[in-house]
């Protein structure tokens, strides 16, 4: 196909282009469809889970358009170490903390 991408990203910015106009959106972290579940967990939830284990409250709020990947990010494939999402990784993380402490 001879189509052009209208979306560019780096670690913290998404840039949408249409002809010569563009809009940039800045975030703490940006992931795309090639991102690994482990990288998403390490960047977003790991420190939160550590804090919860120390007695603090923590919340992960998944918000977005239908079909954007919220369920995949949160659950993934729990039996697959590479593809499991934030929730099963959190359970494993908490279990490991309680076993070592």
Foldseek 3Di string as FASTA:
>chain_A
DPDDDQWDDDQFWIWGDDPPDIDIDGHPGDDDPVDWQVVCCVVPPPVVLVVVVVPDDDDDDQDDDPPPCSCQQAAFPLVDPGRGHNPSVSVVSVVVVVVVD
